[in-house]
Protein backbone atom coordinates (compact mmCIF):
# COMPACT_ATOMS: atom_id res chain seq x y z
CA MET A 1 50.59 5.12 -53.09
CA SER A 2 47.52 6.81 -54.26
CA LEU A 3 44.65 7.15 -51.84
CA VAL A 4 41.39 5.30 -51.60
CA ILE A 5 38.03 6.20 -50.08
CA TYR A 6 36.39 3.42 -48.09
CA ASP A 7 32.69 2.57 -47.53
CA GLU A 8 32.51 4.70 -44.39
CA CYS A 9 32.26 7.74 -46.75
CA ILE A 10 29.12 9.78 -45.98
CA ASN A 11 29.15 11.74 -49.23
CA CYS A 12 29.64 15.02 -47.38
CA ASP A 13 31.17 16.71 -50.52
CA VAL A 14 34.19 18.25 -48.75
CA CYS A 15 36.96 16.23 -50.25
CA GLU A 16 36.23 16.70 -53.98
CA PRO A 17 36.89 20.40 -54.23
CA GLU A 18 40.12 20.08 -52.12
CA CYS A 19 41.82 17.81 -54.66
CA PRO A 20 44.29 19.85 -56.77
CA ASN A 21 44.45 17.13 -59.43
CA GLY A 22 40.71 16.49 -59.91
CA ALA A 23 41.25 12.92 -58.80
CA ILE A 24 38.13 12.72 -56.65
CA SER A 25 34.67 12.26 -58.13
CA GLN A 26 31.30 11.02 -57.15
CA GLY A 27 31.09 7.28 -57.65
CA GLU A 28 28.03 5.05 -57.77
CA ASP A 29 27.58 5.00 -53.94
CA ILE A 30 30.50 7.00 -52.55
CA TYR A 31 33.24 9.29 -53.68
CA VAL A 32 36.10 7.64 -55.54
CA ILE A 33 39.73 8.51 -56.22
CA ASP A 34 41.30 7.97 -59.66
CA PRO A 35 44.76 6.45 -58.94
CA ALA A 36 46.06 7.78 -62.23
CA LEU A 37 45.45 11.34 -61.01
CA CYS A 38 46.18 11.05 -57.25
CA THR A 39 49.54 12.25 -56.13
CA GLU A 40 48.70 12.49 -52.41
CA CYS A 41 48.98 16.26 -53.04
CA ILE A 42 52.75 15.93 -53.56
CA GLY A 43 53.82 19.04 -55.41
CA HIS A 44 50.83 20.99 -54.22
CA HIS A 45 50.64 20.57 -50.37
CA ASP A 46 52.58 18.96 -47.58
CA THR A 47 49.70 16.59 -46.68
CA PRO A 48 46.81 15.06 -48.68
CA GLN A 49 44.08 17.68 -48.44
CA CYS A 50 41.24 15.16 -48.73
CA VAL A 51 42.57 13.39 -45.67
CA GLU A 52 42.77 16.68 -43.82
CA VAL A 53 39.11 17.61 -44.40
CA CYS A 54 37.46 14.17 -44.21
CA PRO A 55 35.18 14.24 -41.13
CA VAL A 56 34.90 10.42 -40.95
CA GLU A 57 38.53 9.49 -41.71
CA CYS A 58 37.70 7.12 -44.47
CA ILE A 59 40.60 8.02 -46.77
CA GLU A 60 43.71 5.94 -46.58
CA LYS A 61 46.67 4.82 -48.70
CA ASP A 62 45.58 2.41 -51.45
CA PRO A 63 47.52 -0.88 -51.01
CA LYS A 64 46.49 -1.79 -54.61
CA HIS A 65 48.50 1.14 -56.03
CA PRO A 66 51.87 1.32 -54.21
CA GLU A 67 53.92 4.38 -55.21
CA ASP A 68 56.84 6.03 -53.47
CA HIS A 69 57.39 9.76 -53.10
CA GLU A 70 59.46 10.07 -56.29
CA THR A 71 56.90 8.21 -58.36
CA LEU A 72 54.13 10.50 -57.03
CA TYR A 73 56.26 13.58 -57.72
CA GLN A 74 56.87 12.43 -61.31
CA LYS A 75 53.12 11.92 -61.69
CA TYR A 76 52.57 15.44 -60.40
CA LEU A 77 55.07 16.77 -63.01
CA ARG A 78 53.26 14.93 -65.85
CA LEU A 79 49.91 16.19 -64.65
CA THR A 80 50.97 19.81 -64.47
CA GLN A 81 52.81 20.12 -67.72
């Protein structure tokens, strides 16, 4: 699954620079994650870096975009070609 940022986001600006795929950007009210770019950091890190740095723990797996490890890895390969 890609990740999603929920309304508890406080716009602290720490997640965006941590994303190796550039999937995180400022939305209208809170930061948002582009599911087409999110690989949960597979291929780059062992854990999603945005989740690691989020001080309010508002980033979770997005149930609207279910993806298994292999699918996320293939997305990583496409993004890094």
